[in-house]
Protein backbone atom coordinates (compact mmCIF):
# COMPACT_ATOMS: atom_id res chain seq x y z
CA MET A 1 123.03 93.13 78.93
CA ALA A 2 119.53 95.03 80.09
CA LEU A 3 118.68 92.20 82.36
CA ASP A 4 121.83 91.86 83.94
CA GLY A 5 119.45 93.81 86.78
CA PHE A 6 116.45 91.25 86.25
CA PRO A 7 116.48 88.78 88.68
CA ARG A 8 118.24 85.20 87.07
CA SER A 9 115.53 83.17 88.74
CA PHE A 10 112.79 83.01 90.98
CA THR A 11 110.61 80.82 92.39
CA THR A 12 106.93 80.35 90.98
CA GLY A 13 105.32 78.47 94.06
CA ALA A 14 102.67 77.58 91.48
CA HIS A 15 101.58 73.78 91.60
CA GLY A 16 104.77 72.56 91.59
CA CYS A 17 106.60 74.63 89.38
CA THR A 18 109.33 76.08 91.73
CA GLU A 19 112.04 77.86 89.37
CA VAL A 20 112.26 79.64 86.14
CA ARG A 21 115.83 80.85 85.33
CA VAL A 22 116.24 83.10 82.10
CA PRO A 23 119.63 82.36 80.63
CA GLN A 24 122.78 85.52 80.48
CA ILE A 25 123.26 86.76 77.64
CA TYR A 26 127.25 86.26 76.87
CA HIS A 27 127.45 87.97 73.75
CA PHE A 28 124.81 89.92 70.87
CA ASN A 29 125.89 90.82 67.23
CA GLN A 30 123.44 92.79 65.75
CA ASP A 31 124.79 93.03 62.40
CA MET A 32 125.09 89.79 62.03
CA HIS A 33 121.68 88.50 64.59
CA THR A 34 123.82 86.40 66.54
CA GLN A 35 123.88 86.07 70.66
CA VAL A 36 125.43 83.58 72.69
CA LEU A 37 123.43 82.88 75.34
CA GLN A 38 124.27 81.04 79.00
CA ASP A 39 123.50 77.03 78.79
CA PHE A 40 121.33 75.31 81.40
CA ALA A 41 123.41 71.77 81.48
CA ASP A 42 120.84 70.70 84.17
CA THR A 43 117.67 71.38 83.32
CA THR A 44 114.55 70.02 80.88
CA ASP A 45 113.50 72.87 78.41
CA LEU A 46 109.68 73.22 78.01
CA THR A 47 109.39 71.64 74.64
CA ALA A 48 111.03 68.47 75.71
CA VAL A 49 108.76 68.42 78.95
CA LEU A 50 105.09 69.16 77.10
CA LEU A 51 106.16 66.45 74.36
CA GLN A 52 107.20 63.83 77.88
CA SER A 53 104.55 61.08 77.92
CA ALA A 54 104.87 61.07 81.54
CA ILE A 55 104.00 64.55 81.88
CA GLU A 56 102.01 63.86 84.93
CA LYS A 57 104.90 62.98 87.09
CA VAL A 58 106.82 66.34 85.55
CA LEU A 59 104.22 68.61 85.84
CA PRO A 60 101.63 67.61 88.45
CA GLY A 61 98.19 68.69 88.03
CA SER A 62 96.88 70.55 85.21
CA SER A 63 99.92 70.37 82.68
CA PRO A 64 98.78 73.12 80.65
CA LYS A 65 97.67 75.32 83.95
CA VAL A 66 100.97 74.92 85.70
CA VAL A 67 103.01 75.84 82.56
CA GLY A 68 100.76 78.91 82.36
CA GLN A 69 100.98 80.19 85.54
CA ALA A 70 104.93 79.34 86.11
CA LEU A 71 105.16 81.56 82.72
CA GLY A 72 102.79 84.21 83.86
CA SER A 73 104.46 84.27 87.18
CA TRP A 74 107.41 85.73 85.30
CA LEU A 75 105.55 87.61 83.13
CA ARG A 76 104.16 89.61 86.06
CA GLU A 77 107.51 89.71 87.86
CA PHE A 78 109.29 90.79 84.54
CA HIS A 79 106.56 93.54 83.98
CA ASP A 80 107.18 94.92 87.90
CA TRP A 81 110.90 95.14 87.17
CA ALA A 82 110.65 96.81 84.02
CA SER A 83 108.36 99.27 85.53
CA MET A 84 110.38 100.47 88.29
CA PRO A 85 112.00 103.84 88.14
CA ALA A 86 115.39 102.60 87.88
CA GLN A 87 114.68 100.74 84.29
CA LYS A 88 113.42 104.62 83.25
CA PRO A 89 116.73 104.86 80.80
CA LEU A 90 115.76 101.35 79.24
CA LEU A 91 112.68 102.45 78.33
CA GLU A 92 114.03 105.35 76.62
CA ALA A 93 116.60 103.82 75.32
CA GLY A 94 114.39 100.75 73.42
CA ARG A 95 112.18 104.43 71.83
CA ALA A 96 115.38 105.74 70.44
């Protein structure tokens, strides 16, 4: 639920990779180690993309560089969001 305040998607602009999306968590049961996540039926997961024989058509340029830049952009966005004063209660809850 803490990620409900984090943008679900954003554009990276990194070498043709235009969007990174984060699934919504619909249910989490800590005792059973179970979570139910949003399904992105209209997308391809990262593993499938990287294993394609025609990867250059999907990820133009240097594929590792494209993936790294897209993931790095998402991570920077997440770090910036998590560092905002509004997220201080989340940090404190994580330390409890």
